[in-house]
Amino acid sequence: DLRSSLGPSISPVISFIKENNHQNHESWRISMEKKKVDELMKDFYQEYQEDPSGWSFWMSPPPESDKFYEAYIIHGDEAFFLKLDSIFSPNPVGIGTKLEIERDQLVKDLPDFGYRKFSRKEVEKFLKNIPKPEDYKSKSKFFQALKSSQNKMIEKALDKNPTRFEPIEEPGELAAIGPYSSESPLDYVSEKQKQLRKDLSKKLNEIINREYPGYY
């Protein structure tokens, strides 16, 4: 489906969309302290609602010196940085903070990450352009056409600007969150950021050992 074609989702993002869709948020001050993943995702949600443009979302495998996954949610020269025990669990154990990002650290630009809604008419156009197996003489030809159709669908979806998270109201509407990148967004890591990685990993280990004694 369109949502999965834009990329996988991290469950805390979805959870806080559902919990906070109908709430109004007053202006808030960014906290630089280390927080558990659910608290940090609340901060992300609030900041995104104030300005949904210019975000990118990166999920990285554990670095060589570590065993925890990393997530960067970048906006301008700041990022929410998270250490997670898993990106596959519906309720990952994690901790994170805000950190500063230098523009020359970023490997490349991504299309804006965010929430996009599509009307029933737009969804019908997407579905109409999906190829049918019976129209192709071989499986390979069909899968080539399917891949091309999916790429065009994603390109078309990303033409829309991200908007604030809001509930689907009309029958036939569809919402998608993405895109995501499954690599590190940083061309290099500063010494300060390396130390932060170590500190967060140590803290996450402590949380797991204290709160989830049978984890391993």
N, C-alpha and C. Protein backbone atom coordinates (compact mmCIF):
# COMPACT_ATOMS: atom_id res chain seq x y z
N ASP A 1 0.83 -1.19 0.00
CA ASP A 1 0.00 0.00 0.00
C ASP A 1 0.87 1.25 0.00
N LEU A 2 0.23 2.41 -0.16
CA LEU A 2 0.98 3.66 -0.30
C LEU A 2 1.77 3.96 0.94
N ARG A 3 1.17 3.71 2.10
CA ARG A 3 1.86 4.03 3.35
C ARG A 3 3.15 3.22 3.47
N SER A 4 3.08 1.92 3.21
CA SER A 4 4.28 1.10 3.34
C SER A 4 5.28 1.44 2.25
N SER A 5 4.83 1.89 1.08
CA SER A 5 5.76 2.23 0.02
C SER A 5 6.57 3.46 0.36
N LEU A 6 6.06 4.32 1.23
CA LEU A 6 6.82 5.49 1.65
C LEU A 6 7.82 5.14 2.74
N GLY A 7 7.76 3.95 3.27
CA GLY A 7 8.76 3.53 4.25
C GLY A 7 8.12 2.99 5.50
N PRO A 8 8.90 2.21 6.30
CA PRO A 8 8.39 1.69 7.56
C PRO A 8 8.21 2.79 8.56
N SER A 9 7.45 2.55 9.59
CA SER A 9 7.23 3.57 10.61
C SER A 9 7.75 3.09 11.94
N ILE A 10 8.17 4.04 12.78
CA ILE A 10 8.52 3.70 14.16
C ILE A 10 7.27 3.88 15.00
N SER A 11 6.92 2.87 15.77
CA SER A 11 5.65 2.86 16.48
C SER A 11 5.39 4.07 17.36
N PRO A 12 6.39 4.59 18.08
CA PRO A 12 6.10 5.76 18.92
C PRO A 12 5.56 6.94 18.13
N VAL A 13 6.01 7.10 16.88
CA VAL A 13 5.49 8.19 16.06
C VAL A 13 4.00 8.01 15.86
N ILE A 14 3.60 6.81 15.45
CA ILE A 14 2.18 6.52 15.21
C ILE A 14 1.38 6.69 16.50
N SER A 15 1.92 6.19 17.60
CA SER A 15 1.20 6.25 18.87
C SER A 15 0.89 7.68 19.26
N PHE A 16 1.87 8.57 19.12
CA PHE A 16 1.64 9.94 19.57
C PHE A 16 0.79 10.73 18.59
N ILE A 17 0.76 10.32 17.31
CA ILE A 17 -0.19 10.93 16.38
C ILE A 17 -1.60 10.65 16.88
N LYS A 18 -1.86 9.40 17.23
CA LYS A 18 -3.20 9.01 17.68
C LYS A 18 -3.56 9.69 18.99
N GLU A 19 -2.61 9.78 19.90
CA GLU A 19 -2.89 10.32 21.22
C GLU A 19 -3.09 11.83 21.20
N ASN A 20 -2.44 12.52 20.27
CA ASN A 20 -2.39 13.98 20.33
C ASN A 20 -3.13 14.69 19.21
N ASN A 21 -3.80 13.93 18.31
CA ASN A 21 -4.44 14.55 17.16
C ASN A 21 -5.42 15.65 17.55
N HIS A 22 -6.10 15.50 18.65
CA HIS A 22 -7.17 16.43 19.00
C HIS A 22 -6.76 17.42 20.09
N GLN A 23 -5.44 17.51 20.35
CA GLN A 23 -4.99 18.41 21.40
C GLN A 23 -4.37 19.66 20.81
N ASN A 24 -4.53 20.79 21.50
CA ASN A 24 -3.85 22.02 21.12
C ASN A 24 -2.62 22.17 21.98
N HIS A 25 -1.52 22.64 21.37
CA HIS A 25 -0.27 22.75 22.10
C HIS A 25 0.16 24.21 22.19
N GLU A 26 0.50 24.65 23.40
CA GLU A 26 1.05 25.98 23.57
C GLU A 26 2.51 25.95 23.17
N SER A 27 3.10 27.13 22.94
CA SER A 27 4.51 27.17 22.57
C SER A 27 5.33 26.56 23.71
N TRP A 28 6.44 25.95 23.37
CA TRP A 28 7.22 25.21 24.34
C TRP A 28 8.69 25.46 24.12
N ARG A 29 9.50 25.16 25.12
CA ARG A 29 10.94 25.35 25.05
C ARG A 29 11.62 24.00 24.85
N ILE A 30 12.61 23.96 23.96
CA ILE A 30 13.32 22.72 23.69
C ILE A 30 14.19 22.34 24.89
N SER A 31 14.09 21.10 25.30
CA SER A 31 14.93 20.59 26.39
C SER A 31 16.08 19.78 25.80
N MET A 32 17.30 20.04 26.28
CA MET A 32 18.47 19.33 25.78
C MET A 32 18.80 18.11 26.64
N GLU A 33 17.99 17.79 27.62
CA GLU A 33 18.29 16.67 28.51
C GLU A 33 18.00 15.33 27.84
N LYS A 34 18.60 14.29 28.39
CA LYS A 34 18.36 12.94 27.89
C LYS A 34 16.98 12.49 28.35
N LYS A 35 16.22 11.90 27.42
CA LYS A 35 14.86 11.47 27.73
C LYS A 35 14.61 10.10 27.14
N LYS A 36 13.65 9.38 27.73
CA LYS A 36 13.21 8.13 27.15
C LYS A 36 12.51 8.40 25.82
N VAL A 37 12.45 7.36 24.98
CA VAL A 37 11.98 7.55 23.61
C VAL A 37 10.55 8.09 23.55
N ASP A 38 9.67 7.64 24.45
CA ASP A 38 8.28 8.12 24.39
C ASP A 38 8.19 9.61 24.72
N GLU A 39 9.01 10.07 25.66
CA GLU A 39 9.02 11.50 26.01
C GLU A 39 9.58 12.33 24.86
N LEU A 40 10.65 11.83 24.24
CA LEU A 40 11.29 12.57 23.16
C LEU A 40 10.37 12.65 21.94
N MET A 41 9.61 11.58 21.68
CA MET A 41 8.70 11.60 20.55
C MET A 41 7.54 12.57 20.78
N LYS A 42 7.17 12.80 22.03
CA LYS A 42 6.18 13.84 22.33
C LYS A 42 6.74 15.21 21.95
N ASP A 43 8.02 15.44 22.29
CA ASP A 43 8.65 16.71 21.92
C ASP A 43 8.70 16.88 20.41
N PHE A 44 9.06 15.79 19.71
CA PHE A 44 9.09 15.84 18.25
C PHE A 44 7.70 16.16 17.69
N TYR A 45 6.69 15.49 18.22
CA TYR A 45 5.32 15.71 17.75
C TYR A 45 4.93 17.18 17.88
N GLN A 46 5.21 17.76 19.02
CA GLN A 46 4.84 19.16 19.26
C GLN A 46 5.58 20.10 18.32
N GLU A 47 6.88 19.84 18.13
CA GLU A 47 7.65 20.71 17.26
C GLU A 47 7.22 20.56 15.80
N TYR A 48 6.93 19.34 15.39
CA TYR A 48 6.45 19.10 14.03
C TYR A 48 5.12 19.80 13.79
N GLN A 49 4.22 19.74 14.76
CA GLN A 49 2.92 20.39 14.61
C GLN A 49 3.07 21.90 14.42
N GLU A 50 4.10 22.48 15.02
CA GLU A 50 4.31 23.92 14.86
C GLU A 50 4.87 24.25 13.48
N ASP A 51 5.70 23.35 12.93
CA ASP A 51 6.32 23.60 11.63
C ASP A 51 6.58 22.26 10.95
N PRO A 52 5.67 21.80 10.09
CA PRO A 52 5.81 20.48 9.48
C PRO A 52 6.73 20.41 8.26
N SER A 53 7.36 21.50 7.88
CA SER A 53 8.22 21.49 6.70
C SER A 53 9.69 21.37 7.08
N GLY A 54 10.47 20.77 6.17
CA GLY A 54 11.91 20.73 6.34
C GLY A 54 12.45 19.66 7.26
N TRP A 55 11.70 18.58 7.48
CA TRP A 55 12.15 17.48 8.33
C TRP A 55 12.72 16.34 7.49
N SER A 56 13.65 15.59 8.06
CA SER A 56 14.07 14.32 7.46
C SER A 56 14.26 13.29 8.56
N PHE A 57 14.00 12.04 8.24
CA PHE A 57 14.00 10.96 9.23
C PHE A 57 14.94 9.85 8.75
N TRP A 58 15.92 9.55 9.58
CA TRP A 58 16.93 8.54 9.22
C TRP A 58 16.97 7.46 10.30
N MET A 59 17.04 6.20 9.88
CA MET A 59 17.19 5.08 10.81
C MET A 59 18.44 4.31 10.42
N SER A 60 19.37 4.18 11.35
CA SER A 60 20.67 3.59 11.06
C SER A 60 20.88 2.30 11.84
N PRO A 61 21.56 1.31 11.22
CA PRO A 61 21.92 0.10 11.96
C PRO A 61 22.94 0.42 13.03
N PRO A 62 23.13 -0.48 13.99
CA PRO A 62 24.10 -0.21 15.06
C PRO A 62 25.50 0.04 14.49
N PRO A 63 26.21 1.05 14.99
CA PRO A 63 27.60 1.25 14.57
C PRO A 63 28.47 0.10 15.06
N GLU A 64 29.69 -0.01 14.53
CA GLU A 64 30.56 -1.14 14.86
C GLU A 64 30.82 -1.25 16.36
N SER A 65 30.90 -0.11 17.03
CA SER A 65 31.24 -0.11 18.46
C SER A 65 30.02 -0.22 19.37
N ASP A 66 28.87 -0.54 18.79
CA ASP A 66 27.62 -0.48 19.56
C ASP A 66 26.70 -1.61 19.14
N LYS A 67 25.60 -1.79 19.89
CA LYS A 67 24.62 -2.82 19.56
C LYS A 67 23.23 -2.23 19.38
N PHE A 68 23.11 -0.90 19.51
CA PHE A 68 21.80 -0.27 19.44
C PHE A 68 21.61 0.47 18.12
N TYR A 69 20.38 0.42 17.63
CA TYR A 69 20.02 1.18 16.44
C TYR A 69 19.98 2.67 16.76
N GLU A 70 20.12 3.48 15.72
CA GLU A 70 20.10 4.92 15.90
C GLU A 70 19.06 5.55 14.98
N ALA A 71 18.42 6.58 15.45
CA ALA A 71 17.46 7.33 14.63
C ALA A 71 17.77 8.82 14.75
N TYR A 72 17.77 9.49 13.61
CA TYR A 72 17.95 10.93 13.56
C TYR A 72 16.69 11.54 12.95
N ILE A 73 16.09 12.48 13.65
CA ILE A 73 14.97 13.24 13.09
C ILE A 73 15.45 14.68 12.99
N ILE A 74 15.81 15.08 11.78
CA ILE A 74 16.54 16.33 11.58
C ILE A 74 15.61 17.44 11.12
N HIS A 75 15.83 18.61 11.70
CA HIS A 75 15.07 19.81 11.32
C HIS A 75 16.01 21.00 11.43
N GLY A 76 16.41 21.55 10.29
CA GLY A 76 17.35 22.66 10.32
C GLY A 76 18.71 22.21 10.84
N ASP A 77 19.22 22.93 11.83
CA ASP A 77 20.53 22.59 12.39
C ASP A 77 20.42 21.83 13.71
N GLU A 78 19.25 21.25 13.96
CA GLU A 78 19.05 20.45 15.17
C GLU A 78 18.47 19.09 14.80
N ALA A 79 18.67 18.13 15.69
CA ALA A 79 18.12 16.80 15.45
C ALA A 79 17.71 16.15 16.76
N PHE A 80 16.61 15.40 16.70
CA PHE A 80 16.30 14.46 17.76
C PHE A 80 17.13 13.21 17.47
N PHE A 81 17.96 12.81 18.40
CA PHE A 81 18.82 11.64 18.22
C PHE A 81 18.42 10.58 19.23
N LEU A 82 18.11 9.38 18.73
CA LEU A 82 17.63 8.31 19.59
C LEU A 82 18.49 7.07 19.46
N LYS A 83 18.70 6.40 20.58
CA LYS A 83 19.29 5.07 20.62
C LYS A 83 18.16 4.09 20.94
N LEU A 84 17.99 3.05 20.11
CA LEU A 84 16.87 2.12 20.24
C LEU A 84 17.36 0.69 20.28
N ASP A 85 16.70 -0.12 21.09
CA ASP A 85 17.09 -1.53 21.13
C ASP A 85 16.65 -2.25 19.86
N SER A 86 15.62 -1.74 19.19
CA SER A 86 15.11 -2.37 17.97
C SER A 86 14.31 -1.36 17.17
N ILE A 87 14.31 -1.52 15.85
CA ILE A 87 13.42 -0.72 15.01
C ILE A 87 12.26 -1.57 14.50
N PHE A 88 12.19 -2.80 14.97
CA PHE A 88 11.15 -3.73 14.53
C PHE A 88 10.09 -3.96 15.60
N SER A 89 10.41 -3.64 16.84
CA SER A 89 9.45 -3.82 17.93
C SER A 89 8.39 -2.72 17.91
N PRO A 90 7.12 -3.07 18.24
CA PRO A 90 6.09 -2.03 18.32
C PRO A 90 6.31 -1.07 19.49
N ASN A 91 7.08 -1.51 20.48
CA ASN A 91 7.37 -0.66 21.64
C ASN A 91 8.87 -0.73 21.96
N PRO A 92 9.70 -0.08 21.15
CA PRO A 92 11.14 -0.17 21.39
C PRO A 92 11.55 0.50 22.69
N VAL A 93 12.60 -0.04 23.30
CA VAL A 93 13.20 0.60 24.46
C VAL A 93 14.26 1.56 23.93
N GLY A 94 14.22 2.80 24.38
CA GLY A 94 15.18 3.75 23.84
C GLY A 94 15.35 4.98 24.69
N ILE A 95 16.37 5.75 24.34
CA ILE A 95 16.66 7.01 25.01
C ILE A 95 17.27 7.95 23.97
N GLY A 96 17.11 9.25 24.19
CA GLY A 96 17.65 10.19 23.21
C GLY A 96 17.74 11.59 23.75
N THR A 97 18.10 12.50 22.87
CA THR A 97 18.24 13.90 23.24
C THR A 97 18.21 14.76 21.98
N LYS A 98 18.34 16.06 22.15
CA LYS A 98 18.51 16.97 21.00
C LYS A 98 19.99 17.24 20.84
N LEU A 99 20.44 17.35 19.60
CA LEU A 99 21.82 17.73 19.35
C LEU A 99 21.89 18.66 18.15
N GLU A 100 22.98 19.40 18.07
CA GLU A 100 23.20 20.31 16.96
C GLU A 100 23.85 19.57 15.80
N ILE A 101 23.43 19.91 14.58
CA ILE A 101 23.97 19.31 13.36
C ILE A 101 24.58 20.41 12.50
N GLU A 102 25.81 20.18 12.05
CA GLU A 102 26.43 21.10 11.10
C GLU A 102 25.97 20.71 9.70
N ARG A 103 25.67 21.69 8.88
CA ARG A 103 25.17 21.41 7.54
C ARG A 103 26.15 20.58 6.71
N ASP A 104 27.46 20.78 6.91
CA ASP A 104 28.41 20.02 6.11
C ASP A 104 28.55 18.58 6.60
N GLN A 105 27.87 18.23 7.70
CA GLN A 105 27.87 16.85 8.17
C GLN A 105 26.90 15.98 7.39
N LEU A 106 25.87 16.59 6.82
CA LEU A 106 24.81 15.82 6.17
C LEU A 106 25.29 15.24 4.84
N VAL A 107 25.02 13.95 4.65
CA VAL A 107 25.44 13.27 3.43
C VAL A 107 24.71 13.81 2.22
N LYS A 108 23.41 13.96 2.32
CA LYS A 108 22.60 14.43 1.20
C LYS A 108 21.27 14.92 1.73
N ASP A 109 20.54 15.58 0.85
CA ASP A 109 19.20 16.03 1.22
C ASP A 109 18.18 14.95 0.88
N LEU A 110 17.13 14.91 1.65
CA LEU A 110 16.02 13.99 1.39
C LEU A 110 14.76 14.78 1.10
N PRO A 111 13.80 14.18 0.37
CA PRO A 111 12.48 14.81 0.31
C PRO A 111 11.94 14.98 1.72
N ASP A 112 11.15 15.99 1.92
CA ASP A 112 10.64 16.28 3.26
C ASP A 112 9.91 15.08 3.85
N PHE A 113 10.34 14.68 5.04
CA PHE A 113 9.60 13.69 5.82
C PHE A 113 8.37 14.35 6.41
N GLY A 114 7.28 13.61 6.48
CA GLY A 114 6.12 14.16 7.14
C GLY A 114 4.84 13.39 6.85
N TYR A 115 3.76 14.01 7.25
CA TYR A 115 2.42 13.43 7.15
C TYR A 115 1.72 14.02 5.94
N ARG A 116 1.21 13.15 5.09
CA ARG A 116 0.52 13.60 3.88
C ARG A 116 -0.82 12.89 3.77
N LYS A 117 -1.85 13.66 3.47
CA LYS A 117 -3.19 13.10 3.29
C LYS A 117 -3.54 13.11 1.80
N PHE A 118 -4.28 12.07 1.38
CA PHE A 118 -4.68 11.95 -0.02
C PHE A 118 -6.18 11.73 -0.09
N SER A 119 -6.81 12.47 -0.97
CA SER A 119 -8.26 12.37 -1.12
C SER A 119 -8.63 11.05 -1.79
N ARG A 120 -9.90 10.73 -1.76
CA ARG A 120 -10.36 9.50 -2.39
C ARG A 120 -10.04 9.51 -3.88
N LYS A 121 -10.18 10.66 -4.52
CA LYS A 121 -9.89 10.76 -5.95
C LYS A 121 -8.41 10.50 -6.23
N GLU A 122 -7.54 11.03 -5.37
CA GLU A 122 -6.10 10.79 -5.53
C GLU A 122 -5.76 9.32 -5.33
N VAL A 123 -6.39 8.69 -4.34
CA VAL A 123 -6.15 7.28 -4.07
C VAL A 123 -6.60 6.43 -5.26
N GLU A 124 -7.74 6.77 -5.84
CA GLU A 124 -8.25 6.03 -7.00
C GLU A 124 -7.30 6.14 -8.18
N LYS A 125 -6.67 7.30 -8.36
CA LYS A 125 -5.69 7.47 -9.44
C LYS A 125 -4.47 6.59 -9.20
N PHE A 126 -4.02 6.54 -7.95
CA PHE A 126 -2.89 5.66 -7.61
C PHE A 126 -3.22 4.21 -7.97
N LEU A 127 -4.40 3.76 -7.54
CA LEU A 127 -4.79 2.37 -7.74
C LEU A 127 -4.99 2.05 -9.22
N LYS A 128 -5.50 3.01 -9.97
CA LYS A 128 -5.77 2.81 -11.39
C LYS A 128 -4.49 2.54 -12.17
N ASN A 129 -3.38 3.11 -11.70
CA ASN A 129 -2.11 2.98 -12.41
C ASN A 129 -1.30 1.76 -12.00
N ILE A 130 -1.81 0.95 -11.08
CA ILE A 130 -1.10 -0.27 -10.69
C ILE A 130 -1.30 -1.33 -11.77
N PRO A 131 -0.23 -1.91 -12.30
CA PRO A 131 -0.37 -2.89 -13.38
C PRO A 131 -1.02 -4.19 -12.91
N LYS A 132 -1.64 -4.90 -13.85
CA LYS A 132 -2.31 -6.17 -13.55
C LYS A 132 -1.49 -7.32 -14.15
N PRO A 133 -1.32 -8.42 -13.42
CA PRO A 133 -0.50 -9.54 -13.91
C PRO A 133 -0.96 -10.08 -15.26
N GLU A 134 -2.28 -10.09 -15.48
CA GLU A 134 -2.79 -10.67 -16.72
C GLU A 134 -2.43 -9.86 -17.97
N ASP A 135 -1.96 -8.64 -17.77
CA ASP A 135 -1.58 -7.81 -18.91
C ASP A 135 -0.14 -8.04 -19.36
N TYR A 136 0.57 -8.96 -18.70
CA TYR A 136 1.98 -9.18 -19.03
C TYR A 136 2.25 -10.66 -19.31
N LYS A 137 3.16 -10.90 -20.27
CA LYS A 137 3.43 -12.27 -20.71
C LYS A 137 4.34 -13.03 -19.74
N SER A 138 5.09 -12.31 -18.93
CA SER A 138 5.99 -12.98 -17.99
C SER A 138 5.97 -12.28 -16.64
N LYS A 139 6.35 -13.03 -15.61
CA LYS A 139 6.41 -12.46 -14.26
C LYS A 139 7.43 -11.34 -14.18
N SER A 140 8.56 -11.52 -14.85
CA SER A 140 9.62 -10.51 -14.79
C SER A 140 9.15 -9.18 -15.36
N LYS A 141 8.42 -9.25 -16.48
CA LYS A 141 7.88 -8.02 -17.10
C LYS A 141 6.88 -7.34 -16.16
N PHE A 142 6.05 -8.17 -15.53
CA PHE A 142 5.05 -7.62 -14.61
C PHE A 142 5.73 -6.94 -13.42
N PHE A 143 6.73 -7.59 -12.83
CA PHE A 143 7.39 -7.01 -11.66
C PHE A 143 8.17 -5.74 -12.03
N GLN A 144 8.70 -5.69 -13.23
CA GLN A 144 9.36 -4.46 -13.69
C GLN A 144 8.35 -3.32 -13.77
N ALA A 145 7.18 -3.63 -14.34
CA ALA A 145 6.13 -2.62 -14.46
C ALA A 145 5.61 -2.21 -13.09
N LEU A 146 5.50 -3.18 -12.17
CA LEU A 146 5.03 -2.90 -10.82
C LEU A 146 6.01 -1.98 -10.09
N LYS A 147 7.30 -2.26 -10.23
CA LYS A 147 8.32 -1.44 -9.59
C LYS A 147 8.28 -0.02 -10.14
N SER A 148 8.15 0.11 -11.45
CA SER A 148 8.07 1.43 -12.07
C SER A 148 6.84 2.18 -11.59
N SER A 149 5.72 1.47 -11.47
CA SER A 149 4.48 2.08 -10.99
C SER A 149 4.62 2.56 -9.56
N GLN A 150 5.27 1.76 -8.72
CA GLN A 150 5.48 2.14 -7.32
C GLN A 150 6.35 3.39 -7.21
N ASN A 151 7.41 3.44 -8.03
CA ASN A 151 8.30 4.60 -8.00
C ASN A 151 7.57 5.87 -8.41
N LYS A 152 6.74 5.77 -9.44
CA LYS A 152 5.97 6.93 -9.88
C LYS A 152 4.96 7.35 -8.81
N MET A 153 4.37 6.37 -8.14
CA MET A 153 3.41 6.65 -7.08
C MET A 153 4.09 7.42 -5.94
N ILE A 154 5.29 6.98 -5.57
CA ILE A 154 6.02 7.64 -4.49
C ILE A 154 6.41 9.06 -4.89
N GLU A 155 6.90 9.22 -6.13
CA GLU A 155 7.27 10.55 -6.61
C GLU A 155 6.06 11.49 -6.58
N LYS A 156 4.93 10.98 -7.02
CA LYS A 156 3.71 11.79 -7.02
C LYS A 156 3.29 12.15 -5.60
N ALA A 157 3.39 11.18 -4.70
CA ALA A 157 3.01 11.42 -3.31
C ALA A 157 3.90 12.48 -2.68
N LEU A 158 5.20 12.43 -2.99
CA LEU A 158 6.14 13.37 -2.39
C LEU A 158 6.05 14.76 -2.99
N ASP A 159 5.29 14.91 -4.06
CA ASP A 159 5.05 16.26 -4.60
C ASP A 159 4.21 17.09 -3.63
N LYS A 160 3.46 16.40 -2.78
CA LYS A 160 2.63 17.11 -1.80
C LYS A 160 3.50 17.56 -0.63
N ASN A 161 3.23 18.74 -0.14
CA ASN A 161 3.96 19.23 1.03
C ASN A 161 3.44 18.54 2.29
N PRO A 162 4.33 18.21 3.23
CA PRO A 162 3.87 17.63 4.50
C PRO A 162 2.98 18.61 5.25
N THR A 163 2.04 18.07 5.99
CA THR A 163 1.12 18.89 6.78
C THR A 163 1.14 18.42 8.24
N ARG A 164 0.46 19.16 9.08
CA ARG A 164 0.32 18.75 10.48
C ARG A 164 -0.43 17.43 10.55
N PHE A 165 -0.13 16.65 11.59
CA PHE A 165 -0.88 15.42 11.82
C PHE A 165 -2.33 15.76 12.15
N GLU A 166 -3.23 15.13 11.44
CA GLU A 166 -4.66 15.33 11.70
C GLU A 166 -5.40 14.06 11.29
N PRO A 167 -6.55 13.80 11.90
CA PRO A 167 -7.26 12.56 11.60
C PRO A 167 -7.86 12.56 10.20
N ILE A 168 -8.02 11.36 9.66
CA ILE A 168 -8.73 11.20 8.39
C ILE A 168 -10.21 11.39 8.65
N GLU A 169 -10.84 12.23 7.84
CA GLU A 169 -12.24 12.58 8.10
C GLU A 169 -13.20 12.09 7.02
N GLU A 170 -12.73 12.00 5.78
CA GLU A 170 -13.62 11.63 4.68
C GLU A 170 -13.43 10.16 4.30
N PRO A 171 -14.51 9.46 3.93
CA PRO A 171 -14.40 8.07 3.47
C PRO A 171 -13.48 7.98 2.24
N GLY A 172 -12.63 6.98 2.23
CA GLY A 172 -11.74 6.79 1.08
C GLY A 172 -10.44 7.56 1.15
N GLU A 173 -10.30 8.44 2.14
CA GLU A 173 -9.04 9.17 2.29
C GLU A 173 -7.95 8.22 2.78
N LEU A 174 -6.71 8.58 2.49
CA LEU A 174 -5.57 7.80 2.93
C LEU A 174 -4.50 8.74 3.45
N ALA A 175 -3.76 8.32 4.47
CA ALA A 175 -2.66 9.13 4.99
C ALA A 175 -1.38 8.31 4.97
N ALA A 176 -0.26 8.97 4.72
CA ALA A 176 1.04 8.31 4.68
C ALA A 176 2.04 9.12 5.47
N ILE A 177 2.99 8.43 6.10
CA ILE A 177 4.08 9.08 6.83
C ILE A 177 5.39 8.61 6.23
N GLY A 178 6.25 9.53 5.85
CA GLY A 178 7.53 9.18 5.27
C GLY A 178 8.06 10.35 4.45
N PRO A 179 9.14 10.16 3.72
CA PRO A 179 9.92 8.93 3.57
C PRO A 179 10.98 8.79 4.66
N TYR A 180 11.55 7.58 4.75
CA TYR A 180 12.60 7.28 5.70
C TYR A 180 13.85 6.86 4.94
N SER A 181 15.00 7.04 5.55
CA SER A 181 16.24 6.54 4.97
C SER A 181 16.88 5.57 5.96
N SER A 182 17.38 4.44 5.45
CA SER A 182 17.93 3.41 6.33
C SER A 182 19.46 3.45 6.34
N GLU A 183 20.01 4.58 6.64
CA GLU A 183 21.46 4.74 6.73
C GLU A 183 21.76 5.89 7.68
N SER A 184 23.03 6.23 7.82
CA SER A 184 23.39 7.37 8.67
C SER A 184 23.34 8.64 7.84
N PRO A 185 22.78 9.73 8.39
CA PRO A 185 22.72 10.98 7.64
C PRO A 185 24.01 11.78 7.70
N LEU A 186 24.96 11.34 8.53
CA LEU A 186 26.15 12.15 8.79
C LEU A 186 27.35 11.66 8.00
N ASP A 187 28.00 12.58 7.30
CA ASP A 187 29.22 12.26 6.57
C ASP A 187 30.38 12.05 7.52
N TYR A 188 30.32 12.71 8.65
CA TYR A 188 31.31 12.50 9.71
C TYR A 188 30.63 12.76 11.05
N VAL A 189 31.22 12.26 12.12
CA VAL A 189 30.69 12.44 13.47
C VAL A 189 31.73 13.17 14.31
N SER A 190 31.32 14.27 14.94
CA SER A 190 32.25 15.04 15.76
C SER A 190 32.60 14.28 17.04
N GLU A 191 33.68 14.69 17.69
CA GLU A 191 34.08 14.04 18.93
C GLU A 191 33.00 14.18 20.00
N LYS A 192 32.36 15.34 20.03
CA LYS A 192 31.29 15.57 21.00
C LYS A 192 30.12 14.61 20.74
N GLN A 193 29.80 14.40 19.47
CA GLN A 193 28.70 13.50 19.12
C GLN A 193 29.07 12.04 19.41
N LYS A 194 30.33 11.69 19.20
CA LYS A 194 30.79 10.33 19.53
C LYS A 194 30.62 10.05 21.02
N GLN A 195 30.98 11.05 21.83
CA GLN A 195 30.84 10.89 23.27
C GLN A 195 29.38 10.77 23.67
N LEU A 196 28.53 11.56 22.99
CA LEU A 196 27.09 11.50 23.27
C LEU A 196 26.55 10.11 22.95
N ARG A 197 26.99 9.54 21.83
CA ARG A 197 26.59 8.18 21.48
C ARG A 197 26.92 7.19 22.61
N LYS A 198 28.15 7.29 23.09
CA LYS A 198 28.59 6.39 24.16
C LYS A 198 27.75 6.58 25.42
N ASP A 199 27.51 7.85 25.77
CA ASP A 199 26.73 8.15 26.97
C ASP A 199 25.32 7.59 26.87
N LEU A 200 24.70 7.76 25.70
CA LEU A 200 23.33 7.27 25.52
C LEU A 200 23.28 5.75 25.53
N SER A 201 24.27 5.11 24.91
CA SER A 201 24.31 3.65 24.92
C SER A 201 24.46 3.11 26.34
N LYS A 202 25.32 3.75 27.10
CA LYS A 202 25.51 3.35 28.50
C LYS A 202 24.22 3.51 29.29
N LYS A 203 23.55 4.64 29.07
CA LYS A 203 22.30 4.91 29.78
C LYS A 203 21.22 3.91 29.37
N LEU A 204 21.16 3.58 28.08
CA LEU A 204 20.16 2.63 27.60
C LEU A 204 20.42 1.24 28.18
N ASN A 205 21.68 0.86 28.27
CA ASN A 205 22.02 -0.42 28.91
C ASN A 205 21.55 -0.45 30.35
N GLU A 206 21.74 0.66 31.06
CA GLU A 206 21.31 0.75 32.46
C GLU A 206 19.79 0.61 32.57
N ILE A 207 19.07 1.26 31.66
CA ILE A 207 17.60 1.18 31.68
C ILE A 207 17.15 -0.26 31.44
N ILE A 208 17.75 -0.92 30.45
CA ILE A 208 17.36 -2.30 30.13
C ILE A 208 17.66 -3.22 31.30
N ASN A 209 18.84 -3.08 31.90
CA ASN A 209 19.22 -3.95 33.02
C ASN A 209 18.34 -3.71 34.25
N ARG A 210 17.93 -2.45 34.44
CA ARG A 210 17.13 -2.11 35.62
C ARG A 210 15.65 -2.44 35.44
N GLU A 211 15.11 -2.11 34.28
CA GLU A 211 13.67 -2.22 34.08
C GLU A 211 13.25 -3.49 33.33
N TYR A 212 14.21 -4.13 32.65
CA TYR A 212 13.90 -5.35 31.88
C TYR A 212 14.96 -6.41 32.20
N PRO A 213 14.99 -6.91 33.45
CA PRO A 213 16.06 -7.83 33.88
C PRO A 213 16.15 -9.11 33.06
N GLY A 214 15.06 -9.56 32.46
CA GLY A 214 15.08 -10.78 31.66
C GLY A 214 15.21 -10.52 30.18
N TYR A 215 15.68 -9.33 29.82
CA TYR A 215 15.69 -8.89 28.42
C TYR A 215 16.55 -9.79 27.54
N TYR A 216 17.78 -10.07 27.98
CA TYR A 216 18.72 -10.79 27.11
C TYR A 216 18.57 -12.30 27.26
